[in-house]
N, C-alpha and C. Protein backbone atom coordinates (compact mmCIF):
# COMPACT_ATOMS: atom_id res chain seq x y z
N UNK A 1 3.51 22.55 2.64
CA UNK A 1 4.04 23.23 3.80
C UNK A 1 5.39 22.60 4.16
N UNK A 2 6.33 23.40 4.61
CA UNK A 2 7.66 22.92 4.93
C UNK A 2 8.05 23.36 6.34
N UNK A 3 8.70 22.46 7.07
CA UNK A 3 9.18 22.76 8.42
C UNK A 3 10.68 22.51 8.47
N UNK A 4 11.34 23.21 9.37
CA UNK A 4 12.77 23.02 9.58
C UNK A 4 12.98 22.46 10.97
N UNK A 5 13.81 21.41 11.05
CA UNK A 5 14.05 20.73 12.32
C UNK A 5 15.56 20.49 12.44
N UNK A 6 16.10 20.69 13.64
CA UNK A 6 17.53 20.41 13.85
C UNK A 6 17.76 18.91 13.84
N UNK A 7 18.97 18.51 13.58
CA UNK A 7 19.32 17.10 13.55
C UNK A 7 19.04 16.44 14.89
N UNK A 8 19.35 17.14 15.97
CA UNK A 8 19.10 16.60 17.31
C UNK A 8 17.60 16.32 17.51
N UNK A 9 16.77 17.31 17.15
CA UNK A 9 15.32 17.13 17.29
C UNK A 9 14.82 16.02 16.37
N UNK A 10 15.39 15.92 15.19
CA UNK A 10 14.98 14.87 14.25
C UNK A 10 15.29 13.49 14.83
N UNK A 11 16.43 13.35 15.49
CA UNK A 11 16.77 12.06 16.09
C UNK A 11 15.83 11.70 17.23
N UNK A 12 15.43 12.68 18.01
CA UNK A 12 14.58 12.38 19.16
C UNK A 12 13.10 12.27 18.80
N UNK A 13 12.70 12.82 17.64
CA UNK A 13 11.29 12.82 17.25
C UNK A 13 11.07 12.20 15.88
N UNK A 14 11.91 11.26 15.49
CA UNK A 14 11.86 10.71 14.14
C UNK A 14 10.50 10.11 13.81
N UNK A 15 9.93 9.35 14.72
CA UNK A 15 8.65 8.70 14.45
C UNK A 15 7.56 9.70 14.10
N UNK A 16 7.45 10.76 14.89
CA UNK A 16 6.41 11.76 14.60
C UNK A 16 6.72 12.54 13.33
N UNK A 17 8.00 12.76 13.04
CA UNK A 17 8.37 13.45 11.80
C UNK A 17 8.01 12.61 10.58
N UNK A 18 8.21 11.30 10.67
CA UNK A 18 7.85 10.41 9.56
C UNK A 18 6.35 10.45 9.34
N UNK A 19 5.57 10.44 10.42
CA UNK A 19 4.12 10.53 10.29
C UNK A 19 3.71 11.84 9.62
N UNK A 20 4.33 12.92 10.02
CA UNK A 20 4.01 14.22 9.42
C UNK A 20 4.36 14.24 7.94
N UNK A 21 5.52 13.67 7.59
CA UNK A 21 5.92 13.62 6.18
C UNK A 21 4.97 12.74 5.37
N UNK A 22 4.52 11.65 5.97
CA UNK A 22 3.60 10.76 5.27
C UNK A 22 2.27 11.46 4.96
N UNK A 23 1.94 12.47 5.74
CA UNK A 23 0.71 13.23 5.50
C UNK A 23 0.95 14.44 4.59
N UNK A 24 2.11 14.51 3.97
CA UNK A 24 2.36 15.54 2.96
C UNK A 24 3.26 16.68 3.36
N UNK A 25 3.68 16.74 4.60
CA UNK A 25 4.54 17.85 5.03
C UNK A 25 5.98 17.56 4.64
N UNK A 26 6.66 18.57 4.13
CA UNK A 26 8.09 18.45 3.82
C UNK A 26 8.87 18.97 5.00
N UNK A 27 9.84 18.18 5.47
CA UNK A 27 10.61 18.54 6.65
C UNK A 27 12.08 18.63 6.27
N UNK A 28 12.67 19.80 6.50
CA UNK A 28 14.09 20.02 6.22
C UNK A 28 14.85 19.80 7.52
N UNK A 29 15.86 18.95 7.47
CA UNK A 29 16.69 18.65 8.64
C UNK A 29 17.99 19.43 8.51
N UNK A 30 18.30 20.20 9.56
CA UNK A 30 19.51 21.03 9.52
C UNK A 30 20.55 20.53 10.52
N UNK A 31 21.79 20.82 10.20
CA UNK A 31 22.91 20.54 11.12
C UNK A 31 23.68 21.84 11.26
N UNK A 32 23.74 22.35 12.48
CA UNK A 32 24.36 23.65 12.76
C UNK A 32 23.72 24.75 11.92
N UNK A 33 22.41 24.65 11.72
CA UNK A 33 21.68 25.68 10.99
C UNK A 33 21.74 25.56 9.47
N UNK A 34 22.46 24.58 8.96
CA UNK A 34 22.61 24.41 7.52
C UNK A 34 21.74 23.24 7.06
N UNK A 35 20.87 23.45 6.08
CA UNK A 35 20.04 22.34 5.60
C UNK A 35 20.91 21.19 5.07
N UNK A 36 20.62 19.98 5.56
CA UNK A 36 21.43 18.81 5.18
C UNK A 36 20.60 17.70 4.52
N UNK A 37 19.28 17.65 4.84
CA UNK A 37 18.44 16.59 4.28
C UNK A 37 16.99 17.06 4.28
N UNK A 38 16.19 16.35 3.49
CA UNK A 38 14.77 16.67 3.42
C UNK A 38 13.98 15.37 3.57
N UNK A 39 12.99 15.39 4.44
CA UNK A 39 12.13 14.24 4.68
C UNK A 39 10.81 14.49 3.98
N UNK A 40 10.48 13.61 3.02
CA UNK A 40 9.24 13.75 2.26
C UNK A 40 8.53 12.41 2.21
N UNK A 41 7.26 12.42 1.84
CA UNK A 41 6.48 11.19 1.74
C UNK A 41 6.99 10.32 0.60
N UNK A 42 6.95 9.02 0.81
CA UNK A 42 7.30 8.06 -0.22
C UNK A 42 6.09 7.87 -1.12
N UNK A 43 6.27 7.84 -2.43
CA UNK A 43 5.11 7.68 -3.31
C UNK A 43 4.39 6.35 -3.04
N UNK A 44 3.07 6.39 -3.04
CA UNK A 44 2.28 5.19 -2.81
C UNK A 44 2.43 4.22 -3.97
N UNK A 45 2.32 2.94 -3.65
CA UNK A 45 2.36 1.92 -4.67
C UNK A 45 1.05 1.94 -5.45
N UNK A 46 1.02 1.25 -6.56
CA UNK A 46 -0.18 1.19 -7.39
C UNK A 46 -1.31 0.44 -6.70
N UNK A 47 -2.34 0.18 -7.44
CA UNK A 47 -3.52 -0.50 -6.91
C UNK A 47 -3.17 -1.93 -6.49
N UNK A 48 -4.03 -2.49 -5.66
CA UNK A 48 -3.83 -3.86 -5.20
C UNK A 48 -3.80 -4.82 -6.39
N UNK A 49 -3.02 -5.88 -6.26
CA UNK A 49 -2.90 -6.84 -7.33
C UNK A 49 -4.20 -7.62 -7.51
N UNK A 50 -4.49 -7.94 -8.75
CA UNK A 50 -5.67 -8.72 -9.09
C UNK A 50 -5.20 -10.03 -9.70
N UNK A 51 -5.74 -11.18 -9.24
CA UNK A 51 -5.30 -12.45 -9.82
C UNK A 51 -5.48 -12.47 -11.33
N UNK A 52 -4.50 -13.03 -12.02
CA UNK A 52 -4.51 -13.03 -13.49
C UNK A 52 -5.29 -14.19 -14.08
N UNK A 53 -5.73 -15.13 -13.26
CA UNK A 53 -6.43 -16.32 -13.76
C UNK A 53 -5.59 -17.02 -14.82
N UNK A 54 -4.30 -17.14 -14.55
CA UNK A 54 -3.36 -17.70 -15.51
C UNK A 54 -3.68 -19.14 -15.89
N UNK A 55 -4.30 -19.89 -15.00
CA UNK A 55 -4.64 -21.27 -15.31
C UNK A 55 -6.03 -21.39 -15.94
N UNK A 56 -6.70 -20.29 -16.10
CA UNK A 56 -8.01 -20.31 -16.71
C UNK A 56 -9.11 -20.82 -15.79
N UNK A 57 -8.83 -20.91 -14.49
CA UNK A 57 -9.85 -21.39 -13.55
C UNK A 57 -10.86 -20.29 -13.27
N UNK A 58 -12.12 -20.63 -13.34
CA UNK A 58 -13.14 -19.64 -13.04
C UNK A 58 -13.96 -20.04 -11.82
N UNK A 59 -13.76 -21.26 -11.31
CA UNK A 59 -14.48 -21.70 -10.12
C UNK A 59 -13.67 -22.78 -9.42
N UNK A 60 -14.05 -23.07 -8.18
CA UNK A 60 -13.44 -24.16 -7.42
C UNK A 60 -14.56 -25.12 -7.06
N UNK A 61 -14.37 -26.39 -7.33
CA UNK A 61 -15.40 -27.40 -7.09
C UNK A 61 -15.74 -27.48 -5.61
N UNK A 62 -16.98 -27.83 -5.31
CA UNK A 62 -17.45 -27.94 -3.93
C UNK A 62 -16.65 -28.96 -3.14
N UNK A 63 -16.20 -30.03 -3.79
CA UNK A 63 -15.47 -31.10 -3.09
C UNK A 63 -13.94 -30.90 -3.14
N UNK A 64 -13.50 -29.68 -3.38
CA UNK A 64 -12.08 -29.39 -3.50
C UNK A 64 -11.29 -29.87 -2.28
N UNK A 65 -11.81 -29.64 -1.09
CA UNK A 65 -11.12 -30.00 0.15
C UNK A 65 -11.46 -31.41 0.63
N UNK A 66 -12.27 -32.13 -0.10
CA UNK A 66 -12.66 -33.48 0.33
C UNK A 66 -11.45 -34.41 0.31
N UNK A 67 -11.35 -35.31 1.28
CA UNK A 67 -10.22 -36.24 1.33
C UNK A 67 -10.20 -37.16 0.10
N UNK A 68 -9.02 -37.48 -0.35
CA UNK A 68 -8.83 -38.40 -1.48
C UNK A 68 -8.26 -39.69 -0.90
N UNK A 69 -8.99 -40.79 -0.98
CA UNK A 69 -8.53 -42.05 -0.39
C UNK A 69 -7.16 -42.50 -0.90
N UNK A 70 -6.86 -42.27 -2.16
CA UNK A 70 -5.56 -42.69 -2.71
C UNK A 70 -4.42 -41.92 -2.05
N UNK A 71 -4.61 -40.64 -1.83
CA UNK A 71 -3.56 -39.83 -1.21
C UNK A 71 -3.46 -40.16 0.28
N UNK A 72 -4.58 -40.38 0.95
CA UNK A 72 -4.54 -40.75 2.36
C UNK A 72 -3.81 -42.08 2.55
N UNK A 73 -3.96 -43.00 1.61
CA UNK A 73 -3.26 -44.28 1.69
C UNK A 73 -1.75 -44.10 1.63
N UNK A 74 -1.28 -43.13 0.86
CA UNK A 74 0.15 -42.86 0.77
C UNK A 74 0.72 -42.41 2.13
N UNK A 75 -0.04 -41.63 2.87
CA UNK A 75 0.43 -41.12 4.14
C UNK A 75 0.25 -42.13 5.28
N UNK A 76 -0.67 -43.06 5.12
CA UNK A 76 -0.91 -44.02 6.20
C UNK A 76 -0.08 -45.30 6.01
N UNK A 77 0.65 -45.37 4.94
CA UNK A 77 1.47 -46.57 4.67
C UNK A 77 0.69 -47.72 4.12
N UNK A 78 -0.52 -47.46 3.65
CA UNK A 78 -1.39 -48.54 3.17
C UNK A 78 -1.32 -48.80 1.72
C-alpha cells in the first residue's frame, strides 16, 4: 500500500510516518504536488550473532571468579 504526504505534513509527522513505513507501508513525499522522495522500510539485519567458540572453550570452571592470591598481592602492594 502506498500513501502520499506533503513535505510539510512529513516534517510535522515524521515519527508516525517512520513507524508506518517500518510496518511495510510505502510513503511518497511530495513538494508542491510533485513526488520528491519515498519512505520505505529498511531491510532487517540477519539473525542474531552466535559465538564462534574461537578459543575452543566449551565450559567455564566453577572457580572462574574466585580470587587469586597472587593477583590480589599485586594490587595490595604486597
